[in-house]
Every structure is written in C-alpha cells, then in structure tokens.
Amino acid sequence: MFLSQDYNPDSFKVKLDDRDFRLEQDVKKYVEYAKEQRTIDEGAKSTRQYRSFAIIPDIVAIDILTKYGIDIHAPDFMQHPELVRKFKQIIMTDYPLLMTSNIKKAA
C-alpha cells in the first residue's frame, strides 16, 4: 500500500495485490471543508461574479472519469461548456456534500 502523493496524508491509498489494485480515500476532511464553505457562502454577497462550486477529492475525479468519461483534470476541460454542465449536474446529484457554494443549478 502507498499514498498517491507522499506529501499529502489525505491523498488516496493505492492497494496492490497479485491481480488487482484498489484505490481508497477518506473524504471526511473534504466534506467538512465544503460544509464550512457553504456556511460562509450563505453570508456572501450574491453579486459576486465568481464563486467556488465544489472541492473534488482525487478519488471522486477518478470515479467521474471511470463512470462518465469526464476528465476534469484535462487541460481543455473548461473549454467544453457541455462537459462542465454535465460535471456540475453529477456533483449536485451524486456528491452534493462536496459543493462549496449554495448554487442550485447546473449553469
């Protein structure tokens, strides 16, 4: 077993055996951070042009890539509005506790 990032104790664990590998990550700190950010967002001005949408642990990015074929780490990801919309909808539906703002639409 080893961490995906040696310097990051919250990175995902890679577990290997003779035939397979398995990825695991405790996302509790990410969920707590997102909750804190949503609380802060409630008191922020609604006229802001930009705001954080979500915090995405590596294990979730891998899950989205595997299930939906969306690579949120691709250099041109943000240049594909249809993929960004689909990604936001996935987060709101499958991972709402990772949202860092109180945005309720997939813009």
N, C-alpha and C. Protein backbone atom coordinates (compact mmCIF):
# COMPACT_ATOMS: atom_id res chain seq x y z
N MET A 1 0.85 -1.17 0.00
CA MET A 1 0.00 0.00 0.00
C MET A 1 0.89 1.23 0.00
N PHE A 2 0.48 2.25 -0.77
CA PHE A 2 1.19 3.52 -0.75
C PHE A 2 0.21 4.65 -1.04
N LEU A 3 0.58 5.86 -0.67
CA LEU A 3 -0.24 7.04 -0.93
C LEU A 3 0.04 7.56 -2.34
N SER A 4 -0.97 8.11 -2.97
CA SER A 4 -0.79 8.65 -4.32
C SER A 4 0.11 9.88 -4.29
N GLN A 5 0.14 10.60 -3.18
CA GLN A 5 1.01 11.76 -3.01
C GLN A 5 1.71 11.62 -1.66
N ASP A 6 3.00 11.40 -1.69
CA ASP A 6 3.75 11.18 -0.45
C ASP A 6 3.59 12.32 0.55
N TYR A 7 3.49 13.54 0.08
CA TYR A 7 3.45 14.72 0.95
C TYR A 7 2.05 15.06 1.45
N ASN A 8 1.04 14.34 0.98
CA ASN A 8 -0.35 14.67 1.31
C ASN A 8 -1.00 13.49 2.05
N PRO A 9 -1.15 13.58 3.37
CA PRO A 9 -1.74 12.46 4.12
C PRO A 9 -3.22 12.22 3.77
N ASP A 10 -3.86 13.18 3.09
CA ASP A 10 -5.26 13.00 2.70
C ASP A 10 -5.42 12.50 1.27
N SER A 11 -4.31 12.19 0.60
CA SER A 11 -4.40 11.67 -0.76
C SER A 11 -4.92 10.24 -0.72
N PHE A 12 -5.19 9.67 -1.89
CA PHE A 12 -5.78 8.34 -1.87
C PHE A 12 -4.69 7.27 -1.71
N LYS A 13 -5.14 6.14 -1.18
CA LYS A 13 -4.26 4.99 -0.95
C LYS A 13 -4.38 4.05 -2.14
N VAL A 14 -3.27 3.53 -2.57
CA VAL A 14 -3.24 2.53 -3.63
C VAL A 14 -2.87 1.21 -2.98
N LYS A 15 -3.77 0.25 -3.09
CA LYS A 15 -3.53 -1.07 -2.51
C LYS A 15 -3.38 -2.07 -3.67
N LEU A 16 -2.30 -2.80 -3.65
CA LEU A 16 -1.99 -3.75 -4.73
C LEU A 16 -1.97 -5.18 -4.19
N ASP A 17 -2.39 -6.09 -5.06
CA ASP A 17 -2.15 -7.50 -4.78
C ASP A 17 -1.68 -8.13 -6.09
N ASP A 18 -1.64 -9.44 -6.16
CA ASP A 18 -1.10 -10.12 -7.36
C ASP A 18 -1.92 -9.87 -8.62
N ARG A 19 -3.22 -9.60 -8.48
CA ARG A 19 -4.08 -9.48 -9.66
C ARG A 19 -4.69 -8.11 -9.85
N ASP A 20 -4.90 -7.35 -8.79
CA ASP A 20 -5.67 -6.12 -8.86
C ASP A 20 -5.02 -4.99 -8.10
N PHE A 21 -5.64 -3.83 -8.24
CA PHE A 21 -5.30 -2.72 -7.38
C PHE A 21 -6.62 -2.10 -6.92
N ARG A 22 -6.56 -1.41 -5.81
CA ARG A 22 -7.75 -0.78 -5.26
C ARG A 22 -7.35 0.60 -4.75
N LEU A 23 -8.23 1.58 -5.01
CA LEU A 23 -7.99 2.94 -4.56
C LEU A 23 -8.98 3.27 -3.45
N GLU A 24 -8.47 3.89 -2.39
CA GLU A 24 -9.33 4.30 -1.27
C GLU A 24 -8.92 5.69 -0.82
N GLN A 25 -9.89 6.47 -0.39
CA GLN A 25 -9.59 7.80 0.14
C GLN A 25 -10.65 8.18 1.15
N ASP A 26 -10.21 8.66 2.29
CA ASP A 26 -11.12 9.19 3.30
C ASP A 26 -11.44 10.63 2.91
N VAL A 27 -12.67 10.92 2.58
CA VAL A 27 -13.04 12.25 2.10
C VAL A 27 -13.68 13.10 3.19
N LYS A 28 -13.59 12.65 4.44
CA LYS A 28 -14.23 13.36 5.56
C LYS A 28 -13.77 14.82 5.65
N LYS A 29 -12.48 15.08 5.52
CA LYS A 29 -11.98 16.46 5.62
C LYS A 29 -12.49 17.32 4.46
N TYR A 30 -12.63 16.73 3.29
CA TYR A 30 -13.16 17.46 2.13
C TYR A 30 -14.61 17.84 2.36
N VAL A 31 -15.39 16.90 2.90
CA VAL A 31 -16.81 17.15 3.18
C VAL A 31 -16.95 18.24 4.26
N GLU A 32 -16.11 18.19 5.28
CA GLU A 32 -16.15 19.22 6.33
C GLU A 32 -15.79 20.59 5.76
N TYR A 33 -14.78 20.64 4.91
CA TYR A 33 -14.37 21.91 4.28
C TYR A 33 -15.51 22.46 3.43
N ALA A 34 -16.13 21.61 2.64
CA ALA A 34 -17.23 22.05 1.77
C ALA A 34 -18.38 22.61 2.61
N LYS A 35 -18.69 21.96 3.72
CA LYS A 35 -19.76 22.45 4.60
C LYS A 35 -19.43 23.83 5.16
N GLU A 36 -18.17 24.00 5.60
CA GLU A 36 -17.74 25.32 6.10
C GLU A 36 -17.89 26.39 5.02
N GLN A 37 -17.50 26.04 3.81
CA GLN A 37 -17.57 27.00 2.70
C GLN A 37 -19.02 27.35 2.34
N ARG A 38 -19.92 26.38 2.41
CA ARG A 38 -21.34 26.67 2.14
C ARG A 38 -21.89 27.63 3.18
N THR A 39 -21.47 27.45 4.44
CA THR A 39 -21.91 28.35 5.50
C THR A 39 -21.41 29.77 5.23
N ILE A 40 -20.16 29.90 4.85
CA ILE A 40 -19.60 31.21 4.51
C ILE A 40 -20.33 31.80 3.30
N ASP A 41 -20.65 30.95 2.33
CA ASP A 41 -21.32 31.40 1.10
C ASP A 41 -22.70 32.00 1.39
N GLU A 42 -23.37 31.48 2.43
CA GLU A 42 -24.70 31.99 2.78
C GLU A 42 -24.65 33.48 3.11
N GLY A 43 -23.55 33.93 3.71
CA GLY A 43 -23.44 35.32 4.11
C GLY A 43 -22.75 36.20 3.09
N ALA A 44 -22.27 35.63 2.00
CA ALA A 44 -21.55 36.40 1.00
C ALA A 44 -22.51 37.14 0.07
N LYS A 45 -22.01 38.22 -0.52
CA LYS A 45 -22.82 39.00 -1.47
C LYS A 45 -23.19 38.14 -2.67
N SER A 46 -24.42 38.22 -3.08
CA SER A 46 -24.87 37.42 -4.22
C SER A 46 -24.47 38.04 -5.55
N THR A 47 -23.86 39.22 -5.51
CA THR A 47 -23.46 39.90 -6.74
C THR A 47 -22.07 39.49 -7.22
N ARG A 48 -21.43 38.55 -6.51
CA ARG A 48 -20.10 38.11 -6.93
C ARG A 48 -20.15 37.50 -8.32
N GLN A 49 -19.14 37.79 -9.12
CA GLN A 49 -19.10 37.24 -10.46
C GLN A 49 -18.65 35.77 -10.43
N TYR A 50 -17.71 35.46 -9.56
CA TYR A 50 -17.18 34.10 -9.47
C TYR A 50 -17.33 33.58 -8.05
N ARG A 51 -17.53 32.28 -7.95
CA ARG A 51 -17.55 31.62 -6.65
C ARG A 51 -17.15 30.17 -6.85
N SER A 52 -16.63 29.61 -5.80
CA SER A 52 -16.25 28.21 -5.83
C SER A 52 -17.51 27.36 -5.98
N PHE A 53 -17.40 26.27 -6.69
CA PHE A 53 -18.55 25.38 -6.86
C PHE A 53 -18.45 24.16 -5.94
N ALA A 54 -17.27 23.51 -5.97
CA ALA A 54 -17.11 22.27 -5.19
C ALA A 54 -15.63 22.00 -4.98
N ILE A 55 -15.35 21.17 -3.99
CA ILE A 55 -13.99 20.66 -3.79
C ILE A 55 -14.05 19.19 -4.20
N ILE A 56 -13.11 18.79 -5.05
CA ILE A 56 -13.17 17.45 -5.63
C ILE A 56 -11.95 16.64 -5.21
N PRO A 57 -12.14 15.68 -4.32
CA PRO A 57 -11.04 14.78 -3.96
C PRO A 57 -10.63 13.95 -5.19
N ASP A 58 -9.38 13.54 -5.23
CA ASP A 58 -8.89 12.75 -6.37
C ASP A 58 -9.74 11.51 -6.62
N ILE A 59 -10.16 10.84 -5.57
CA ILE A 59 -10.93 9.61 -5.74
C ILE A 59 -12.26 9.88 -6.45
N VAL A 60 -12.84 11.05 -6.22
CA VAL A 60 -14.09 11.42 -6.89
C VAL A 60 -13.80 11.76 -8.36
N ALA A 61 -12.70 12.45 -8.63
CA ALA A 61 -12.33 12.74 -10.01
C ALA A 61 -12.13 11.45 -10.79
N ILE A 62 -11.50 10.46 -10.17
CA ILE A 62 -11.29 9.16 -10.82
C ILE A 62 -12.62 8.46 -11.03
N ASP A 63 -13.51 8.53 -10.04
CA ASP A 63 -14.83 7.91 -10.16
C ASP A 63 -15.63 8.53 -11.32
N ILE A 64 -15.59 9.85 -11.43
CA ILE A 64 -16.30 10.54 -12.51
C ILE A 64 -15.70 10.18 -13.87
N LEU A 65 -14.38 10.10 -13.94
CA LEU A 65 -13.74 9.69 -15.19
C LEU A 65 -14.14 8.27 -15.57
N THR A 66 -14.16 7.38 -14.59
CA THR A 66 -14.50 5.98 -14.85
C THR A 66 -15.97 5.81 -15.23
N LYS A 67 -16.88 6.44 -14.48
CA LYS A 67 -18.32 6.26 -14.71
C LYS A 67 -18.86 7.06 -15.89
N TYR A 68 -18.33 8.30 -16.07
CA TYR A 68 -18.94 9.21 -17.04
C TYR A 68 -17.99 9.63 -18.17
N GLY A 69 -16.73 9.24 -18.09
CA GLY A 69 -15.78 9.59 -19.14
C GLY A 69 -15.40 11.06 -19.16
N ILE A 70 -15.60 11.76 -18.05
CA ILE A 70 -15.27 13.19 -17.97
C ILE A 70 -13.97 13.34 -17.18
N ASP A 71 -12.95 13.87 -17.85
CA ASP A 71 -11.65 14.09 -17.21
C ASP A 71 -11.57 15.54 -16.77
N ILE A 72 -11.89 15.81 -15.52
CA ILE A 72 -11.91 17.19 -15.04
C ILE A 72 -10.51 17.77 -14.92
N HIS A 73 -9.48 16.94 -15.03
CA HIS A 73 -8.11 17.42 -14.98
C HIS A 73 -7.52 17.64 -16.37
N ALA A 74 -8.28 17.37 -17.41
CA ALA A 74 -7.79 17.61 -18.77
C ALA A 74 -7.54 19.11 -18.96
N PRO A 75 -6.47 19.48 -19.63
CA PRO A 75 -6.14 20.90 -19.80
C PRO A 75 -7.24 21.72 -20.48
N ASP A 76 -8.04 21.07 -21.32
CA ASP A 76 -9.08 21.81 -22.05
C ASP A 76 -10.49 21.57 -21.50
N PHE A 77 -10.59 20.96 -20.32
CA PHE A 77 -11.92 20.65 -19.76
C PHE A 77 -12.83 21.88 -19.71
N MET A 78 -12.34 22.99 -19.20
CA MET A 78 -13.17 24.19 -19.04
C MET A 78 -13.57 24.82 -20.38
N GLN A 79 -12.99 24.38 -21.46
CA GLN A 79 -13.33 24.89 -22.78
C GLN A 79 -14.49 24.13 -23.41
N HIS A 80 -15.08 23.21 -22.67
CA HIS A 80 -16.21 22.40 -23.15
C HIS A 80 -17.41 22.62 -22.22
N PRO A 81 -18.20 23.67 -22.49
CA PRO A 81 -19.32 24.00 -21.60
C PRO A 81 -20.29 22.85 -21.36
N GLU A 82 -20.49 21.99 -22.35
CA GLU A 82 -21.43 20.88 -22.17
C GLU A 82 -20.90 19.88 -21.13
N LEU A 83 -19.57 19.65 -21.13
CA LEU A 83 -18.98 18.77 -20.13
C LEU A 83 -19.00 19.40 -18.74
N VAL A 84 -18.76 20.71 -18.67
CA VAL A 84 -18.80 21.41 -17.39
C VAL A 84 -20.20 21.33 -16.80
N ARG A 85 -21.22 21.54 -17.63
CA ARG A 85 -22.61 21.43 -17.16
C ARG A 85 -22.92 20.02 -16.66
N LYS A 86 -22.49 19.03 -17.42
CA LYS A 86 -22.72 17.64 -17.02
C LYS A 86 -21.99 17.33 -15.71
N PHE A 87 -20.75 17.80 -15.59
CA PHE A 87 -19.98 17.60 -14.37
C PHE A 87 -20.69 18.23 -13.17
N LYS A 88 -21.16 19.46 -13.32
CA LYS A 88 -21.87 20.12 -12.22
C LYS A 88 -23.12 19.35 -11.82
N GLN A 89 -23.83 18.84 -12.80
CA GLN A 89 -25.03 18.06 -12.51
C GLN A 89 -24.67 16.78 -11.75
N ILE A 90 -23.57 16.15 -12.14
CA ILE A 90 -23.11 14.94 -11.45
C ILE A 90 -22.80 15.25 -9.99
N ILE A 91 -22.10 16.36 -9.76
CA ILE A 91 -21.75 16.74 -8.39
C ILE A 91 -23.02 17.00 -7.58
N MET A 92 -23.95 17.77 -8.15
CA MET A 92 -25.18 18.10 -7.42
C MET A 92 -26.02 16.85 -7.12
N THR A 93 -25.98 15.87 -8.02
CA THR A 93 -26.78 14.67 -7.85
C THR A 93 -26.08 13.61 -7.01
N ASP A 94 -24.82 13.32 -7.34
CA ASP A 94 -24.11 12.20 -6.72
C ASP A 94 -23.23 12.58 -5.52
N TYR A 95 -22.77 13.84 -5.51
CA TYR A 95 -21.82 14.27 -4.47
C TYR A 95 -22.18 15.64 -3.90
N PRO A 96 -23.40 15.87 -3.49
CA PRO A 96 -23.80 17.22 -3.05
C PRO A 96 -23.04 17.72 -1.82
N LEU A 97 -22.54 16.82 -1.00
CA LEU A 97 -21.80 17.25 0.19
C LEU A 97 -20.44 17.85 -0.14
N LEU A 98 -20.00 17.74 -1.39
CA LEU A 98 -18.73 18.34 -1.81
C LEU A 98 -18.91 19.75 -2.39
N MET A 99 -20.15 20.19 -2.51
CA MET A 99 -20.40 21.54 -3.03
C MET A 99 -19.94 22.57 -2.00
N THR A 100 -19.23 23.59 -2.47
CA THR A 100 -18.70 24.63 -1.58
C THR A 100 -19.52 25.91 -1.62
N SER A 101 -20.52 25.96 -2.50
CA SER A 101 -21.40 27.11 -2.53
C SER A 101 -22.84 26.62 -2.55
N ASN A 102 -23.75 27.55 -2.45
CA ASN A 102 -25.16 27.20 -2.41
C ASN A 102 -25.81 27.32 -3.77
N ILE A 103 -25.03 27.15 -4.82
CA ILE A 103 -25.55 27.17 -6.19
C ILE A 103 -26.46 25.96 -6.36
N LYS A 104 -27.64 26.17 -6.91
CA LYS A 104 -28.59 25.08 -7.04
C LYS A 104 -28.87 24.68 -8.49
N LYS A 105 -28.21 25.32 -9.44
CA LYS A 105 -28.46 24.98 -10.84
C LYS A 105 -27.16 24.60 -11.51
N ALA A 106 -27.24 23.88 -12.61
CA ALA A 106 -26.06 23.37 -13.31
C ALA A 106 -25.53 24.37 -14.32
N ALA A 107 -25.89 25.59 -14.24
CA ALA A 107 -25.48 26.69 -15.13
C ALA A 107 -24.79 26.21 -16.35
